Amino acid sequence: MSPHARRILIIIVGIVVAAGLIAVWVIRGPDPMAFAGGPRESLSDFKGPDPTGVPKALAQASPVERGEYLAKAADCMVCHTTQGGKEYAGGLGFKLPFGTLYSTNITPDKETGIGNYSDKDFLNAVQRGVRHDGARLYPAMPYTSYTYISDADALAIKAYLFSLPPVRATPPANTLAFPFNQRWAMMFWSAVFNPDTRYEPDTSKSPEWNRGAYLAEALAHCGECHTPRNLAFALNNRKKFAGAITAGWRAFNISSDKATGVGGWRDDDLISYLSIGHAAGHGTASGPMGEAVDHSLSRMTPEDIRAIVTYLRSVPPVASSDLPATLAPPASASHKDGSQEARGKMVFQGACVSCHGWTGESAISPTATLTGAWAVNDPGATNVAQIVISGTRRDTPEGALSMPAFGNAYSDDEIAAVANYVTARFGSKGSKLTAQDVADLRKQTSE
């Protein structure tokens, strides 16, 4: 090859490599805390209060007690427990467009669980998505968020899990279609999207902000549900906390946008919603968010919840273009007014009005009030339909309140009709769900 041809080849290779690097940078996007813009330091160099670990009240607790708090903050149990199964024994099915993925047994059983995991094995799984046998984990295990958990906190969680009774249970085999069933390919995905770095405090922010950032990003992994994903199924942090569809439910916008996020909520409203799953005038948590409240957020101390609120306040506003700028007021007390969707009205009158009322303001419990809830103001009606299908349960200071599941009692067509009626009567704009939409929503929910 002549020197001239060699130079041309080098230039072409350089252009291809540069284009590839630019493409990776564009797809990967910023890290979840890049918006803050301040200087960061490693925990070992940081001179301020350590934002990791447990609250002060548990500072002198045993590793197992600290690990229990952290495991609940990380919401481990919900994903690793199937309905009717033993806690942490795995088997919960996550229905994806290309098959079903089942969670693993993380009890200390040596044959079917993690009983043979060393500290290094556990850190590799939690922070890097690499299993004890070297196989790659799928990002349904949110290791791209857990990677920010400190080694000490991750090992405290391990101490707690190893204190539990071992359960011999093997989850069903995954049913992922080719090429998604090729675990080895996850090494390339992880190389691009997992930073494999621990939380670094922002020296320009307050201790409360840093604590909130650690809780929200590392342990509670809020972005895994509330941040939309890019073409590679990784979090698109250019639209951080702007909301997304997760497991067949809509996780709403929790950025500081005042119209379609939580920027217009009072601190006390946010604290109440995170602590008990309900805030007056804003609705009641259901589905995955309800589970997160019941098993994770409600178990956190008040100061940790307040720290999360402080962090949420700082996330830049991102508007949700499909949500109304203002929420609908209470509906008319007369059942003759409003939407005339006959079939939906018939279902609502027979199954719903006794609790929710014709105005949407429940006379039975504030948690059953529809007025002000994003679910009924969402023109997509995703969560309205899912609540009708699956029901919901809230443990409130007033006692347990539940709505029964009607998924087996009503057809897809009837559920679509009542969802359309509810959004038209109590929301800003009626939905246009079809029976096929409801059938598709049923398919997306976890097993």
Protein backbone atom coordinates (compact mmCIF):
# COMPACT_ATOMS: atom_id res chain seq x y z
CA MET A 1 0.00 0.00 0.00
CA SER A 2 1.35 3.40 -0.98
CA PRO A 3 1.94 6.08 1.69
CA HIS A 4 -0.89 8.14 0.17
CA ALA A 5 -3.36 5.23 0.38
CA ARG A 6 -2.24 4.47 3.93
CA ARG A 7 -2.93 8.07 4.97
CA ILE A 8 -6.39 7.92 3.41
CA LEU A 9 -7.11 4.64 5.22
CA ILE A 10 -5.98 6.12 8.55
CA ILE A 11 -8.21 9.15 7.99
CA ILE A 12 -11.20 6.94 7.18
CA VAL A 13 -10.61 4.76 10.23
CA GLY A 14 -10.26 7.87 12.37
CA ILE A 15 -13.53 9.26 11.06
CA VAL A 16 -15.33 5.98 11.71
CA VAL A 17 -13.94 5.74 15.25
CA ALA A 18 -14.82 9.37 15.97
CA ALA A 19 -18.33 8.88 14.60
CA GLY A 20 -18.75 5.80 16.76
CA LEU A 21 -17.61 7.63 19.90
CA ILE A 22 -19.95 10.53 19.14
CA ALA A 23 -22.84 8.10 18.61
CA VAL A 24 -22.11 6.41 21.96
CA TRP A 25 -21.94 9.81 23.69
CA VAL A 26 -25.25 10.89 22.15
CA ILE A 27 -27.05 7.65 23.04
CA ARG A 28 -25.61 7.37 26.55
CA GLY A 29 -26.34 10.96 27.48
CA PRO A 30 -25.48 12.61 30.81
CA ASP A 31 -25.32 10.81 34.13
CA PRO A 32 -28.34 11.22 36.43
CA MET A 33 -26.81 13.97 38.56
CA ALA A 34 -25.09 15.93 35.79
CA PHE A 35 -27.83 18.58 35.88
CA ALA A 36 -26.54 19.81 39.28
CA GLY A 37 -23.32 21.02 37.66
CA GLY A 38 -21.28 21.26 40.85
CA PRO A 39 -17.86 19.75 41.60
CA ARG A 40 -17.90 16.22 42.98
CA GLU A 41 -15.51 14.38 45.25
CA SER A 42 -15.04 10.75 46.12
CA LEU A 43 -16.42 9.76 49.51
CA SER A 44 -12.89 9.15 50.78
CA ASP A 45 -11.91 12.76 50.04
CA PHE A 46 -15.21 14.42 50.97
CA LYS A 47 -14.98 16.56 54.12
CA GLY A 48 -18.72 17.08 54.65
CA PRO A 49 -21.25 14.78 56.35
CA ASP A 50 -21.33 11.35 54.73
CA PRO A 51 -24.57 11.17 52.67
CA THR A 52 -24.46 7.37 52.49
CA GLY A 53 -25.38 4.84 55.14
CA VAL A 54 -28.34 4.96 57.51
CA PRO A 55 -29.98 7.80 59.45
CA LYS A 56 -28.38 8.96 62.72
CA ALA A 57 -30.83 6.94 64.78
CA LEU A 58 -29.35 3.74 63.33
CA ALA A 59 -25.71 4.82 63.27
CA GLN A 60 -24.79 2.47 66.12
CA ALA A 61 -27.01 -0.38 64.97
CA SER A 62 -25.63 -3.76 63.92
CA PRO A 63 -24.73 -4.40 60.26
CA VAL A 64 -27.87 -6.53 59.93
CA GLU A 65 -30.12 -3.77 61.27
CA ARG A 66 -28.46 -1.20 59.02
CA GLY A 67 -28.76 -3.57 56.08
CA GLU A 68 -32.46 -4.07 56.75
CA TYR A 69 -33.08 -0.32 56.52
CA LEU A 70 -31.00 -0.04 53.35
CA ALA A 71 -32.62 -3.09 51.73
CA LYS A 72 -36.04 -1.54 52.31
CA ALA A 73 -34.81 1.80 50.95
CA ALA A 74 -33.61 -0.10 47.86
CA ASP A 75 -36.99 -1.88 47.59
CA CYS A 76 -35.36 -5.28 47.10
CA MET A 77 -38.22 -7.39 48.43
CA VAL A 78 -40.91 -6.26 45.96
CA CYS A 79 -39.04 -7.38 42.85
CA HIS A 80 -37.71 -10.58 44.41
CA THR A 81 -41.00 -11.89 45.77
CA THR A 82 -43.75 -13.43 43.69
CA GLN A 83 -47.41 -13.28 44.69
CA GLY A 84 -48.01 -15.84 47.40
CA GLY A 85 -44.32 -16.76 47.57
CA LYS A 86 -41.70 -16.47 50.29
CA GLU A 87 -40.07 -13.07 50.64
CA TYR A 88 -36.87 -12.61 48.62
CA ALA A 89 -37.21 -16.09 47.05
CA GLY A 90 -37.64 -14.67 43.52
CA GLY A 91 -39.92 -15.83 40.76
CA LEU A 92 -41.71 -12.56 40.00
CA GLY A 93 -42.26 -12.32 36.24
CA PHE A 94 -41.56 -9.10 34.34
CA LYS A 95 -43.40 -9.10 31.04
CA LEU A 96 -41.34 -7.43 28.32
CA PRO A 97 -42.10 -6.96 24.60
CA PHE A 98 -39.68 -9.78 23.83
CA GLY A 99 -40.55 -12.28 26.56
CA THR A 100 -40.79 -12.70 30.33
CA LEU A 101 -37.91 -12.25 32.75
CA TYR A 102 -38.11 -13.78 36.24
CA SER A 103 -36.43 -12.40 39.34
CA THR A 104 -33.88 -14.50 41.17
CA ASN A 105 -33.82 -16.02 44.63
CA ILE A 106 -31.73 -13.75 46.90
CA THR A 107 -32.19 -15.68 50.15
CA PRO A 108 -28.99 -17.32 51.51
CA ASP A 109 -29.87 -20.76 50.15
CA LYS A 110 -26.62 -22.20 48.83
CA GLU A 111 -28.13 -24.11 45.90
CA THR A 112 -30.87 -21.84 44.55
CA GLY A 113 -30.07 -18.51 46.21
CA ILE A 114 -27.01 -16.40 46.95
CA GLY A 115 -25.64 -18.41 49.89
CA ASN A 116 -22.33 -18.98 48.12
CA TYR A 117 -21.77 -15.35 47.22
CA SER A 118 -18.62 -13.77 48.63
CA ASP A 119 -18.52 -10.05 49.37
CA LYS A 120 -16.87 -9.51 45.99
CA ASP A 121 -19.53 -11.60 44.24
CA PHE A 122 -22.29 -9.55 45.86
CA LEU A 123 -20.69 -6.22 44.92
CA ASN A 124 -20.23 -7.43 41.36
CA ALA A 125 -23.90 -8.36 41.10
CA VAL A 126 -25.29 -5.21 42.73
CA GLN A 127 -22.94 -2.61 41.25
CA ARG A 128 -21.84 -4.18 37.97
CA GLY A 129 -24.57 -6.61 36.95
CA VAL A 130 -22.28 -9.67 36.98
CA ARG A 131 -23.58 -12.87 38.57
CA HIS A 132 -21.64 -15.28 40.82
CA ASP A 133 -21.02 -17.59 37.85
CA GLY A 134 -19.84 -14.72 35.65
CA ALA A 135 -23.08 -14.47 33.66
CA ARG A 136 -24.45 -10.99 32.99
CA LEU A 137 -27.62 -9.75 34.67
CA TYR A 138 -30.32 -7.98 32.71
CA PRO A 139 -30.99 -4.34 33.68
CA ALA A 140 -34.39 -5.26 35.11
CA MET A 141 -32.05 -5.57 38.08
CA PRO A 142 -31.32 -1.82 38.32
CA TYR A 143 -27.57 -2.14 38.71
CA THR A 144 -26.99 1.01 36.66
CA SER A 145 -28.57 2.84 39.63
CA TYR A 146 -27.28 0.53 42.35
CA THR A 147 -23.77 1.13 41.04
CA TYR A 148 -23.85 4.36 43.04
CA ILE A 149 -24.43 2.47 46.32
CA SER A 150 -21.33 2.53 48.50
CA ASP A 151 -19.50 -0.73 49.14
CA ALA A 152 -20.27 -0.47 52.86
CA ASP A 153 -24.01 -0.08 52.23
CA ALA A 154 -24.12 -2.90 49.70
CA LEU A 155 -22.36 -5.24 52.13
CA ALA A 156 -24.74 -4.21 54.92
CA ILE A 157 -27.60 -5.26 52.63
CA LYS A 158 -25.79 -8.55 52.09
CA ALA A 159 -25.49 -9.03 55.85
CA TYR A 160 -29.23 -8.53 56.19
CA LEU A 161 -30.09 -10.91 53.35
CA PHE A 162 -27.77 -13.56 54.81
CA SER A 163 -29.56 -13.23 58.16
CA LEU A 164 -32.82 -14.39 56.57
CA PRO A 165 -33.94 -18.03 56.48
CA PRO A 166 -32.70 -19.73 53.32
CA VAL A 167 -35.49 -20.66 50.93
CA ARG A 168 -34.97 -23.42 48.39
CA ALA A 169 -36.73 -22.04 45.29
CA THR A 170 -35.77 -21.94 41.65
CA PRO A 171 -37.58 -19.34 39.53
CA PRO A 172 -39.09 -20.29 36.18
CA ALA A 173 -36.81 -20.11 33.16
CA ASN A 174 -36.84 -16.82 31.29
CA THR A 175 -38.70 -16.83 27.98
CA LEU A 176 -36.77 -14.08 26.21
CA ALA A 177 -36.65 -14.30 22.43
CA PHE A 178 -33.42 -14.20 20.41
CA PRO A 179 -31.24 -12.11 20.53
CA PHE A 180 -32.38 -10.85 23.94
CA ASN A 181 -31.72 -14.26 25.48
CA GLN A 182 -27.99 -13.86 24.89
CA ARG A 183 -26.70 -12.75 28.28
CA TRP A 184 -23.14 -12.32 27.06
CA ALA A 185 -24.27 -9.40 24.90
CA MET A 186 -25.07 -7.44 28.06
CA MET A 187 -21.36 -6.84 28.56
CA PHE A 188 -21.45 -4.39 25.64
CA TRP A 189 -24.60 -2.70 26.92
CA SER A 190 -23.08 -2.38 30.38
CA ALA A 191 -19.84 -0.98 28.99
CA VAL A 192 -21.82 1.91 27.53
CA PHE A 193 -24.54 2.49 30.12
CA ASN A 194 -23.17 1.37 33.50
CA PRO A 195 -20.70 3.95 34.86
CA ASP A 196 -19.51 1.48 37.53
CA THR A 197 -18.82 4.27 40.00
CA ARG A 198 -19.91 4.95 43.56
CA TYR A 199 -21.80 8.04 44.65
CA GLU A 200 -19.68 11.17 44.71
CA PRO A 201 -21.06 14.06 46.80
CA ASP A 202 -21.52 17.44 45.13
CA THR A 203 -19.44 19.84 47.22
CA SER A 204 -21.59 22.82 46.17
CA LYS A 205 -24.78 21.31 47.62
CA SER A 206 -26.15 21.01 51.13
CA PRO A 207 -25.88 17.82 53.22
CA GLU A 208 -29.64 17.34 52.85
CA TRP A 209 -29.41 17.60 49.04
CA ASN A 210 -26.57 15.07 48.90
CA ARG A 211 -28.45 12.68 51.16
CA GLY A 212 -31.55 13.06 49.00
CA ALA A 213 -29.55 12.49 45.82
CA TYR A 214 -28.01 9.32 47.24
CA LEU A 215 -31.39 7.99 48.34
CA ALA A 216 -33.23 8.89 45.13
CA GLU A 217 -30.55 7.87 42.64
CA ALA A 218 -28.70 4.98 44.28
CA LEU A 219 -31.04 3.22 46.71
CA ALA A 220 -34.61 4.13 45.74
CA HIS A 221 -33.60 4.26 42.04
CA CYS A 222 -36.49 6.61 41.21
CA GLY A 223 -35.30 7.17 37.65
CA GLU A 224 -35.77 3.51 36.74
CA CYS A 225 -39.52 4.14 36.60
CA HIS A 226 -39.88 7.90 36.25
CA THR A 227 -37.27 8.61 33.55
CA PRO A 228 -38.05 7.67 29.92
CA ARG A 229 -35.71 5.30 28.12
CA ASN A 230 -33.75 5.72 24.91
CA LEU A 231 -33.56 3.39 21.91
CA ALA A 232 -31.14 1.12 23.79
CA PHE A 233 -33.54 0.79 26.77
CA ALA A 234 -31.22 2.87 28.98
CA LEU A 235 -32.39 5.90 30.96
CA ASN A 236 -32.61 9.09 28.93
CA ASN A 237 -31.42 11.60 31.51
CA ARG A 238 -31.92 14.46 29.08
CA LYS A 239 -35.58 14.05 30.11
CA LYS A 240 -34.86 13.23 33.70
CA PHE A 241 -37.91 12.31 35.80
CA ALA A 242 -40.25 13.32 32.96
CA GLY A 243 -42.33 10.17 33.40
CA ALA A 244 -42.58 6.85 31.57
CA ILE A 245 -44.64 3.69 31.15
CA THR A 246 -43.24 0.96 33.40
CA ALA A 247 -44.66 -2.56 33.78
CA GLY A 248 -47.89 -1.43 32.17
CA TRP A 249 -48.38 1.53 34.54
CA ARG A 250 -47.66 5.21 34.00
CA ALA A 251 -45.00 6.60 36.35
CA PHE A 252 -45.82 10.31 36.26
CA ASN A 253 -43.56 13.32 35.86
CA ILE A 254 -41.70 14.08 39.11
CA SER A 255 -39.48 16.84 37.75
CA SER A 256 -39.91 20.36 39.13
CA ASP A 257 -42.25 21.35 36.31
CA LYS A 258 -45.07 23.28 38.00
CA ALA A 259 -47.85 22.28 35.62
CA THR A 260 -47.20 18.61 34.85
CA GLY A 261 -44.58 17.65 37.44
CA VAL A 262 -44.37 18.16 41.20
CA GLY A 263 -43.07 21.73 41.13
CA GLY A 264 -46.48 23.02 42.16
CA TRP A 265 -46.85 20.64 45.10
CA ARG A 266 -46.26 21.87 48.65
CA ASP A 267 -43.44 20.14 50.53
CA ASP A 268 -45.98 18.68 52.94
CA ASP A 269 -47.92 17.19 50.00
CA LEU A 270 -44.83 15.50 48.62
CA ILE A 271 -43.82 14.24 52.04
CA SER A 272 -47.30 12.83 52.60
CA TYR A 273 -47.41 11.15 49.19
CA LEU A 274 -44.01 9.52 49.68
CA SER A 275 -44.70 8.55 53.29
CA ILE A 276 -48.26 7.18 53.14
CA GLY A 277 -49.07 7.08 49.42
CA HIS A 278 -51.65 9.84 49.48
CA ALA A 279 -51.70 13.64 49.30
CA ALA A 280 -54.90 15.63 49.50
CA GLY A 281 -55.76 17.07 46.10
CA HIS A 282 -53.14 14.96 44.33
CA GLY A 283 -54.45 11.43 44.52
CA THR A 284 -53.37 8.08 45.93
CA ALA A 285 -50.48 5.89 44.85
CA SER A 286 -51.33 2.61 43.13
CA GLY A 287 -49.57 -0.13 41.22
CA PRO A 288 -45.74 -0.12 41.37
CA MET A 289 -45.72 3.27 43.11
CA GLY A 290 -48.10 1.98 45.74
CA GLU A 291 -45.77 -0.98 46.33
CA ALA A 292 -42.77 1.36 46.55
CA VAL A 293 -44.54 3.40 49.21
CA ASP A 294 -45.76 0.40 51.20
CA HIS A 295 -42.52 -1.57 51.24
CA SER A 296 -39.84 1.08 50.84
CA LEU A 297 -40.57 4.79 51.18
CA SER A 298 -42.95 4.45 54.14
CA ARG A 299 -40.17 2.61 56.02
CA MET A 300 -37.78 5.56 55.74
CA THR A 301 -37.30 8.12 58.48
CA PRO A 302 -38.94 11.56 58.13
CA GLU A 303 -35.54 13.21 57.62
CA ASP A 304 -34.74 10.88 54.73
CA ILE A 305 -38.10 11.58 53.06
CA ARG A 306 -37.50 15.31 53.45
CA ALA A 307 -34.04 14.91 51.90
CA ILE A 308 -35.60 13.22 48.85
CA VAL A 309 -38.05 16.12 48.53
CA THR A 310 -35.14 18.59 48.68
CA TYR A 311 -33.45 16.71 45.85
CA LEU A 312 -36.61 16.48 43.73
CA ARG A 313 -37.04 20.25 44.01
CA SER A 314 -33.68 20.73 42.29
CA VAL A 315 -34.37 18.52 39.24
CA PRO A 316 -34.88 20.78 36.17
CA PRO A 317 -38.48 21.07 34.94
CA VAL A 318 -39.47 18.93 31.99
CA ALA A 319 -43.02 19.38 30.73
CA SER A 320 -45.23 16.43 29.81
CA SER A 321 -46.86 17.55 26.58
CA ASP A 322 -49.71 15.02 26.83
CA LEU A 323 -50.87 16.13 30.28
CA PRO A 324 -53.16 19.11 30.94
CA ALA A 325 -51.71 22.34 32.34
CA THR A 326 -54.55 22.51 34.87
CA LEU A 327 -56.43 19.70 36.57
CA ALA A 328 -60.20 19.35 36.42
CA PRO A 329 -62.30 20.60 39.38
CA PRO A 330 -64.86 18.37 41.13
CA ALA A 331 -67.58 17.10 38.81
CA SER A 332 -71.28 17.87 39.11
CA ALA A 333 -73.19 16.16 41.88
CA SER A 334 -75.83 15.16 39.36
CA HIS A 335 -75.27 11.91 37.51
CA LYS A 336 -77.15 13.41 34.56
CA ASP A 337 -74.37 15.91 33.86
CA GLY A 338 -71.01 15.31 32.23
CA SER A 339 -69.97 12.43 30.01
CA GLN A 340 -72.81 10.48 28.48
CA GLU A 341 -70.73 7.39 27.74
CA ALA A 342 -73.62 5.05 28.48
CA ARG A 343 -71.79 1.76 28.96
CA GLY A 344 -69.01 3.29 31.05
CA LYS A 345 -71.56 5.17 33.14
CA MET A 346 -73.45 1.94 33.77
CA VAL A 347 -70.29 0.19 35.02
CA PHE A 348 -69.33 3.20 37.15
CA GLN A 349 -72.80 3.40 38.69
CA GLY A 350 -72.82 -0.29 39.48
CA ALA A 351 -69.29 -0.73 40.83
CA CYS A 352 -67.65 2.62 41.57
CA VAL A 353 -70.00 5.42 42.62
CA SER A 354 -70.63 4.10 46.12
CA CYS A 355 -67.00 4.81 47.04
CA HIS A 356 -65.95 7.58 44.64
CA GLY A 357 -69.20 9.56 44.39
CA TRP A 358 -70.56 11.43 41.40
CA THR A 359 -68.38 14.46 42.14
CA GLY A 360 -65.16 12.45 42.44
CA GLU A 361 -64.77 13.58 46.05
CA SER A 362 -65.28 10.50 48.19
CA ALA A 363 -67.48 10.67 51.27
CA ILE A 364 -65.88 7.45 52.54
CA SER A 365 -62.17 8.25 52.55
CA PRO A 366 -59.83 10.92 51.12
CA THR A 367 -57.80 8.13 49.54
CA ALA A 368 -60.79 7.26 47.31
CA THR A 369 -61.12 10.83 46.03
CA LEU A 370 -60.55 11.10 42.28
CA THR A 371 -60.51 14.89 41.97
CA GLY A 372 -56.99 16.21 41.43
CA ALA A 373 -55.41 12.83 40.71
CA TRP A 374 -53.12 12.63 37.71
CA ALA A 375 -54.55 9.21 36.87
CA VAL A 376 -57.97 10.62 35.92
CA ASN A 377 -56.42 13.65 34.20
CA ASP A 378 -54.23 11.49 31.98
CA PRO A 379 -55.86 11.32 28.52
CA GLY A 380 -54.20 7.94 28.08
CA ALA A 381 -56.10 6.52 31.10
CA THR A 382 -53.35 3.93 31.62
CA ASN A 383 -53.51 3.89 35.40
CA VAL A 384 -57.28 4.20 35.57
CA ALA A 385 -57.60 1.03 33.51
CA GLN A 386 -54.91 -0.76 35.51
CA ILE A 387 -56.54 0.14 38.82
CA VAL A 388 -59.83 -1.25 37.57
CA ILE A 389 -58.06 -4.41 36.40
CA SER A 390 -55.81 -4.99 39.41
CA GLY A 391 -57.39 -3.03 42.24
CA THR A 392 -55.30 -1.22 44.83
CA ARG A 393 -54.61 -1.25 48.54
CA ARG A 394 -53.44 1.57 50.77
CA ASP A 395 -52.37 1.39 54.39
CA THR A 396 -53.20 4.84 55.71
CA PRO A 397 -53.25 6.42 59.18
CA GLU A 398 -57.02 5.88 59.05
CA GLY A 399 -56.53 2.17 58.49
CA ALA A 400 -56.33 -0.14 55.50
CA LEU A 401 -58.38 0.86 52.47
CA SER A 402 -58.62 -1.30 49.40
CA MET A 403 -60.32 -1.25 46.05
CA PRO A 404 -61.13 -4.69 44.70
CA ALA A 405 -59.79 -5.87 41.37
CA PHE A 406 -62.44 -5.98 38.65
CA GLY A 407 -60.22 -7.52 35.97
CA ASN A 408 -62.05 -10.84 36.10
CA ALA A 409 -65.50 -9.33 36.58
CA TYR A 410 -65.54 -7.08 33.52
CA SER A 411 -64.57 -7.54 29.90
CA ASP A 412 -61.87 -5.50 28.17
CA ASP A 413 -64.59 -3.54 26.42
CA GLU A 414 -66.33 -2.71 29.72
CA ILE A 415 -63.07 -1.67 31.38
CA ALA A 416 -62.23 0.58 28.43
CA ALA A 417 -65.71 2.11 28.64
CA VAL A 418 -65.53 2.88 32.36
CA ALA A 419 -61.99 4.28 32.03
CA ASN A 420 -63.19 6.59 29.26
CA TYR A 421 -66.15 7.64 31.36
CA VAL A 422 -64.01 8.35 34.43
CA THR A 423 -61.46 10.47 32.57
CA ALA A 424 -64.21 12.40 30.76
CA ARG A 425 -66.20 13.06 33.94
CA PHE A 426 -63.41 13.70 36.45
CA GLY A 427 -60.46 14.68 34.24
CA SER A 428 -59.61 17.49 31.86
CA LYS A 429 -59.98 15.40 28.72
CA GLY A 430 -61.66 12.07 28.13
CA SER A 431 -59.62 9.09 27.02
CA LYS A 432 -60.31 6.94 23.97
CA LEU A 433 -59.28 3.51 25.19
CA THR A 434 -60.35 0.48 23.20
CA ALA A 435 -60.81 -3.13 24.27
CA GLN A 436 -57.52 -3.94 22.53
CA ASP A 437 -55.72 -1.26 24.56
CA VAL A 438 -56.99 -2.88 27.76
CA ALA A 439 -55.94 -6.33 26.55
CA ASP A 440 -52.45 -4.95 25.86
CA LEU A 441 -52.27 -3.41 29.34
CA ARG A 442 -53.14 -6.75 30.91
CA LYS A 443 -50.21 -8.34 29.09
CA GLN A 444 -47.71 -5.79 30.42
CA THR A 445 -48.27 -6.21 34.15
CA SER A 446 -45.87 -8.28 36.22
CA GLU A 447 -46.86 -11.83 37.13
